[in-house]
PDB file of N, CA and C in Angstrom:
ATOM      1  N   MET A   1      64.181  10.590 122.453  1.00  0.00           N
ATOM      2  CA  MET A   1      64.244  10.974 121.067  1.00  0.00           C
ATOM      3  C   MET A   1      65.427  10.243 120.436  1.00  0.00           C
ATOM      4  N   ARG A   2      65.260   9.893 119.185  1.00  0.00           N
ATOM      5  CA  ARG A   2      66.311   9.195 118.457  1.00  0.00           C
ATOM      6  C   ARG A   2      66.483   9.830 117.092  1.00  0.00           C
ATOM      7  N   ILE A   3      67.724   9.984 116.674  1.00  0.00           N
ATOM      8  CA  ILE A   3      68.034  10.519 115.353  1.00  0.00           C
ATOM      9  C   ILE A   3      68.817   9.452 114.592  1.00  0.00           C
ATOM     10  N   ASP A   4      68.327   9.094 113.412  1.00  0.00           N
ATOM     11  CA  ASP A   4      69.010   8.124 112.560  1.00  0.00           C
ATOM     12  C   ASP A   4      69.551   8.848 111.330  1.00  0.00           C
ATOM     13  N   PHE A   5      70.801   8.582 111.004  1.00  0.00           N
ATOM     14  CA  PHE A   5      71.436   9.220 109.859  1.00  0.00           C
ATOM     15  C   PHE A   5      71.466   8.275 108.673  1.00  0.00           C
ATOM     16  N   LEU A   6      71.168   8.813 107.493  1.00  0.00           N
ATOM     17  CA  LEU A   6      71.260   8.010 106.286  1.00  0.00           C
ATOM     18  C   LEU A   6      72.717   7.668 106.009  1.00  0.00           C
ATOM     19  N   ASN A   7      72.923   6.497 105.442  1.00  0.00           N
ATOM     20  CA  ASN A   7      74.248   6.030 105.075  1.00  0.00           C
ATOM     21  C   ASN A   7      74.631   6.708 103.755  1.00  0.00           C
ATOM     22  N   ASP A   8      75.721   7.477 103.754  1.00  0.00           N
ATOM     23  CA  ASP A   8      76.141   8.221 102.562  1.00  0.00           C
ATOM     24  C   ASP A   8      76.366   7.310 101.361  1.00  0.00           C
ATOM     25  N   LYS A   9      77.017   6.177 101.579  1.00  0.00           N
ATOM     26  CA  LYS A   9      77.295   5.247 100.478  1.00  0.00           C
ATOM     27  C   LYS A   9      75.998   4.672  99.921  1.00  0.00           C
ATOM     28  N   TRP A  10      75.066   4.334 100.792  1.00  0.00           N
ATOM     29  CA  TRP A  10      73.781   3.793 100.350  1.00  0.00           C
ATOM     30  C   TRP A  10      73.055   4.815  99.479  1.00  0.00           C
ATOM     31  N   VAL A  11      73.025   6.076  99.926  1.00  0.00           N
ATOM     32  CA  VAL A  11      72.362   7.137  99.157  1.00  0.00           C
ATOM     33  C   VAL A  11      73.040   7.290  97.803  1.00  0.00           C
ATOM     34  N   SER A  12      74.364   7.321  97.792  1.00  0.00           N
ATOM     35  CA  SER A  12      75.106   7.463  96.540  1.00  0.00           C
ATOM     36  C   SER A  12      74.830   6.298  95.598  1.00  0.00           C
ATOM     37  N   ASP A  13      74.852   5.079  96.125  1.00  0.00           N
ATOM     38  CA  ASP A  13      74.574   3.896  95.300  1.00  0.00           C
ATOM     39  C   ASP A  13      73.154   3.920  94.748  1.00  0.00           C
ATOM     40  N   GLN A  14      72.194   4.324  95.566  1.00  0.00           N
ATOM     41  CA  GLN A  14      70.801   4.407  95.122  1.00  0.00           C
ATOM     42  C   GLN A  14      70.647   5.457  94.021  1.00  0.00           C
ATOM     43  N   ALA A  15      71.334   6.594  94.179  1.00  0.00           N
ATOM     44  CA  ALA A  15      71.265   7.657  93.168  1.00  0.00           C
ATOM     45  C   ALA A  15      71.875   7.185  91.849  1.00  0.00           C
ATOM     46  N   LYS A  16      73.031   6.520  91.918  1.00  0.00           N
ATOM     47  CA  LYS A  16      73.686   6.015  90.696  1.00  0.00           C
ATOM     48  C   LYS A  16      72.808   5.005  89.973  1.00  0.00           C
ATOM     49  N   ALA A  17      72.069   4.202  90.738  1.00  0.00           N
ATOM     50  CA  ALA A  17      71.206   3.178  90.157  1.00  0.00           C
ATOM     51  C   ALA A  17      69.861   3.742  89.701  1.00  0.00           C
ATOM     52  N   GLY A  18      69.621   5.033  89.952  1.00  0.00           N
ATOM     53  CA  GLY A  18      68.360   5.655  89.566  1.00  0.00           C
ATOM     54  C   GLY A  18      67.181   5.213  90.410  1.00  0.00           C
ATOM     55  N   LYS A  19      67.455   4.803  91.651  1.00  0.00           N
ATOM     56  CA  LYS A  19      66.401   4.276  92.528  1.00  0.00           C
ATOM     57  C   LYS A  19      65.853   5.294  93.525  1.00  0.00           C
ATOM     58  N   LEU A  20      66.364   6.511  93.489  1.00  0.00           N
ATOM     59  CA  LEU A  20      65.862   7.533  94.418  1.00  0.00           C
ATOM     60  C   LEU A  20      64.723   8.296  93.757  1.00  0.00           C
ATOM     61  N   ALA A  21      63.600   8.365  94.442  1.00  0.00           N
ATOM     62  CA  ALA A  21      62.450   9.089  93.913  1.00  0.00           C
ATOM     63  C   ALA A  21      62.503  10.569  94.286  1.00  0.00           C
ATOM     64  N   LEU A  22      63.526  10.962  95.023  1.00  0.00           N
ATOM     65  CA  LEU A  22      63.666  12.348  95.457  1.00  0.00           C
ATOM     66  C   LEU A  22      64.627  13.103  94.547  1.00  0.00           C
ATOM     67  N   VAL A  23      64.492  14.412  94.535  1.00  0.00           N
ATOM     68  CA  VAL A  23      65.430  15.256  93.806  1.00  0.00           C
ATOM     69  C   VAL A  23      66.765  15.205  94.534  1.00  0.00           C
ATOM     70  N   THR A  24      67.844  15.073  93.783  1.00  0.00           N
ATOM     71  CA  THR A  24      69.173  15.032  94.387  1.00  0.00           C
ATOM     72  C   THR A  24      70.073  16.102  93.780  1.00  0.00           C
ATOM     73  N   VAL A  25      71.039  16.530  94.574  1.00  0.00           N
ATOM     74  CA  VAL A  25      72.079  17.446  94.117  1.00  0.00           C
ATOM     75  C   VAL A  25      73.389  16.710  94.334  1.00  0.00           C
ATOM     76  N   LYS A  26      74.140  16.525  93.259  1.00  0.00           N
ATOM     77  CA  LYS A  26      75.403  15.791  93.359  1.00  0.00           C
ATOM     78  C   LYS A  26      76.559  16.762  93.515  1.00  0.00           C
ATOM     79  N   THR A  27      77.395  16.510  94.505  1.00  0.00           N
ATOM     80  CA  THR A  27      78.617  17.277  94.720  1.00  0.00           C
ATOM     81  C   THR A  27      79.781  16.324  94.454  1.00  0.00           C
ATOM     82  N   PRO A  28      81.003  16.811  94.435  1.00  0.00           N
ATOM     83  CA  PRO A  28      82.127  15.896  94.211  1.00  0.00           C
ATOM     84  C   PRO A  28      82.235  14.787  95.275  1.00  0.00           C
ATOM     85  N   ASN A  29      81.738  15.041  96.483  1.00  0.00           N
ATOM     86  CA  ASN A  29      81.922  14.074  97.566  1.00  0.00           C
ATOM     87  C   ASN A  29      80.672  13.345  98.015  1.00  0.00           C
ATOM     88  N   LEU A  30      79.497  13.889  97.724  1.00  0.00           N
ATOM     89  CA  LEU A  30      78.280  13.220  98.180  1.00  0.00           C
ATOM     90  C   LEU A  30      77.065  13.653  97.410  1.00  0.00           C
ATOM     91  N   VAL A  31      75.972  12.952  97.696  1.00  0.00           N
ATOM     92  CA  VAL A  31      74.686  13.253  97.079  1.00  0.00           C
ATOM     93  C   VAL A  31      73.794  13.855  98.153  1.00  0.00           C
ATOM     94  N   ILE A  32      73.194  14.981  97.852  1.00  0.00           N
ATOM     95  CA  ILE A  32      72.327  15.673  98.801  1.00  0.00           C
ATOM     96  C   ILE A  32      70.887  15.487  98.353  1.00  0.00           C
ATOM     97  N   LEU A  33      70.044  15.072  99.287  1.00  0.00           N
ATOM     98  CA  LEU A  33      68.619  14.930  99.000  1.00  0.00           C
ATOM     99  C   LEU A  33      67.963  16.300  99.133  1.00  0.00           C
ATOM    100  N   ALA A  34      67.248  16.714  98.113  1.00  0.00           N
ATOM    101  CA  ALA A  34      66.597  18.019  98.106  1.00  0.00           C
ATOM    102  C   ALA A  34      65.088  17.785  98.005  1.00  0.00           C
ATOM    103  N   ALA A  35      64.432  17.808  99.146  1.00  0.00           N
ATOM    104  CA  ALA A  35      63.000  17.523  99.168  1.00  0.00           C
ATOM    105  C   ALA A  35      62.360  18.244 100.341  1.00  0.00           C
ATOM    106  N   SER A  36      61.059  18.287 100.308  1.00  0.00           N
ATOM    107  CA  SER A  36      60.325  18.907 101.419  1.00  0.00           C
ATOM    108  C   SER A  36      60.391  17.999 102.648  1.00  0.00           C
ATOM    109  N   THR A  37      60.058  18.540 103.779  1.00  0.00           N
ATOM    110  CA  THR A  37      60.035  17.761 105.014  1.00  0.00           C
ATOM    111  C   THR A  37      59.109  16.560 104.864  1.00  0.00           C
ATOM    112  N   GLU A  38      57.957  16.770 104.292  1.00  0.00           N
ATOM    113  CA  GLU A  38      56.993  15.684 104.120  1.00  0.00           C
ATOM    114  C   GLU A  38      57.544  14.587 103.205  1.00  0.00           C
ATOM    115  N   GLU A  39      58.195  14.986 102.115  1.00  0.00           N
ATOM    116  CA  GLU A  39      58.786  13.996 101.200  1.00  0.00           C
ATOM    117  C   GLU A  39      59.903  13.214 101.882  1.00  0.00           C
ATOM    118  N   LEU A  40      60.734  13.897 102.655  1.00  0.00           N
ATOM    119  CA  LEU A  40      61.819  13.218 103.379  1.00  0.00           C
ATOM    120  C   LEU A  40      61.270  12.274 104.437  1.00  0.00           C
ATOM    121  N   ARG A  41      60.225  12.698 105.119  1.00  0.00           N
ATOM    122  CA  ARG A  41      59.587  11.846 106.134  1.00  0.00           C
ATOM    123  C   ARG A  41      59.045  10.569 105.483  1.00  0.00           C
ATOM    124  N   LYS A  42      58.358  10.719 104.362  1.00  0.00           N
ATOM    125  CA  LYS A  42      57.811   9.570 103.644  1.00  0.00           C
ATOM    126  C   LYS A  42      58.935   8.647 103.178  1.00  0.00           C
ATOM    127  N   PHE A  43      60.001   9.225 102.646  1.00  0.00           N
ATOM    128  CA  PHE A  43      61.159   8.465 102.186  1.00  0.00           C
ATOM    129  C   PHE A  43      61.773   7.664 103.337  1.00  0.00           C
ATOM    130  N   ALA A  44      61.971   8.305 104.479  1.00  0.00           N
ATOM    131  CA  ALA A  44      62.547   7.626 105.646  1.00  0.00           C
ATOM    132  C   ALA A  44      61.666   6.469 106.103  1.00  0.00           C
ATOM    133  N   LEU A  45      60.363   6.682 106.123  1.00  0.00           N
ATOM    134  CA  LEU A  45      59.447   5.610 106.535  1.00  0.00           C
ATOM    135  C   LEU A  45      59.462   4.446 105.546  1.00  0.00           C
ATOM    136  N   GLU A  46      59.558   4.747 104.264  1.00  0.00           N
ATOM    137  CA  GLU A  46      59.594   3.696 103.248  1.00  0.00           C
ATOM    138  C   GLU A  46      60.841   2.826 103.371  1.00  0.00           C
ATOM    139  N   HIS A  47      61.938   3.406 103.879  1.00  0.00           N
ATOM    140  CA  HIS A  47      63.214   2.691 103.967  1.00  0.00           C
ATOM    141  C   HIS A  47      63.607   2.350 105.406  1.00  0.00           C
ATOM    142  N   ALA A  48      62.678   2.498 106.327  1.00  0.00           N
ATOM    143  CA  ALA A  48      62.972   2.273 107.751  1.00  0.00           C
ATOM    144  C   ALA A  48      63.471   0.865 108.045  1.00  0.00           C
ATOM    145  N   ASP A  49      63.011  -0.124 107.300  1.00  0.00           N
ATOM    146  CA  ASP A  49      63.412  -1.511 107.545  1.00  0.00           C
ATOM    147  C   ASP A  49      64.634  -1.933 106.738  1.00  0.00           C
ATOM    148  N   ASP A  50      65.130  -1.049 105.901  1.00  0.00           N
ATOM    149  CA  ASP A  50      66.305  -1.350 105.084  1.00  0.00           C
ATOM    150  C   ASP A  50      67.555  -1.114 105.932  1.00  0.00           C
ATOM    151  N   LYS A  51      68.211  -2.191 106.332  1.00  0.00           N
ATOM    152  CA  LYS A  51      69.372  -2.107 107.232  1.00  0.00           C
ATOM    153  C   LYS A  51      70.520  -1.302 106.637  1.00  0.00           C
ATOM    154  N   GLY A  52      70.645  -1.272 105.320  1.00  0.00           N
ATOM    155  CA  GLY A  52      71.728  -0.545 104.686  1.00  0.00           C
ATOM    156  C   GLY A  52      71.484   0.942 104.547  1.00  0.00           C
ATOM    157  N   ALA A  53      70.242   1.383 104.690  1.00  0.00           N
ATOM    158  CA  ALA A  53      69.892   2.780 104.449  1.00  0.00           C
ATOM    159  C   ALA A  53      70.401   3.726 105.538  1.00  0.00           C
ATOM    160  N   PHE A  54      70.503   3.223 106.749  1.00  0.00           N
ATOM    161  CA  PHE A  54      70.887   4.082 107.868  1.00  0.00           C
ATOM    162  C   PHE A  54      72.203   3.614 108.466  1.00  0.00           C
ATOM    163  N   SER A  55      73.097   4.564 108.725  1.00  0.00           N
ATOM    164  CA  SER A  55      74.427   4.202 109.193  1.00  0.00           C
ATOM    165  C   SER A  55      74.547   4.186 110.709  1.00  0.00           C
ATOM    166  N   GLU A  56      74.064   5.195 111.356  1.00  0.00           N
ATOM    167  CA  GLU A  56      74.180   5.253 112.810  1.00  0.00           C
ATOM    168  C   GLU A  56      73.021   6.045 113.379  1.00  0.00           C
ATOM    169  N   ASN A  57      72.795   5.849 114.660  1.00  0.00           N
ATOM    170  CA  ASN A  57      71.730   6.604 115.303  1.00  0.00           C
ATOM    171  C   ASN A  57      72.199   7.093 116.659  1.00  0.00           C
ATOM    172  N   PHE A  58      71.567   8.112 117.097  1.00  0.00           N
ATOM    173  CA  PHE A  58      71.851   8.690 118.402  1.00  0.00           C
ATOM    174  C   PHE A  58      70.554   8.727 119.187  1.00  0.00           C
ATOM    175  N   ALA A  59      70.596   8.184 120.392  1.00  0.00           N
ATOM    176  CA  ALA A  59      69.418   8.191 121.268  1.00  0.00           C
ATOM    177  C   ALA A  59      69.659   9.193 122.396  1.00  0.00           C
ATOM    178  N   PHE A  60      68.684  10.023 122.607  1.00  0.00           N
ATOM    179  CA  PHE A  60      68.754  11.035 123.655  1.00  0.00           C
ATOM    180  C   PHE A  60      67.716  10.745 124.708  1.00  0.00           C
ATOM    181  N   GLN A  61      68.096  10.915 125.940  1.00  0.00           N
ATOM    182  CA  GLN A  61      67.162  10.756 127.039  1.00  0.00           C
ATOM    183  C   GLN A  61      67.159  12.014 127.887  1.00  0.00           C
ATOM    184  N   ARG A  62      65.984  12.397 128.258  1.00  0.00           N
ATOM    185  CA  ARG A  62      65.824  13.603 129.062  1.00  0.00           C
ATOM    186  C   ARG A  62      66.237  13.305 130.506  1.00  0.00           C
ATOM    187  N   LYS A  63      67.073  14.168 131.042  1.00  0.00           N
ATOM    188  CA  LYS A  63      67.476  14.020 132.448  1.00  0.00           C
ATOM    189  C   LYS A  63      66.689  14.998 133.265  1.00  0.00           C
ATOM    190  N   LYS A  64      66.240  14.510 134.414  1.00  0.00           N
ATOM    191  CA  LYS A  64      65.448  15.372 135.300  1.00  0.00           C
ATOM    192  C   LYS A  64      66.290  15.916 136.414  1.00  0.00           C
TER     193      LYS A  64
END
């Protein structure tokens, strides 16, 4: 299993530019995406090849 995290700066820049199709909640420090699981899944797939969209990932392997 792998978990990829969105890049906070990328999300903030996209929100400022009006390029996010998702509902956002702006706080003093970051932008929070407010969407259903299905909408977030679609969003992640649409931006999967965008190198700037994701900051880091964690890969997990099952130990037997």
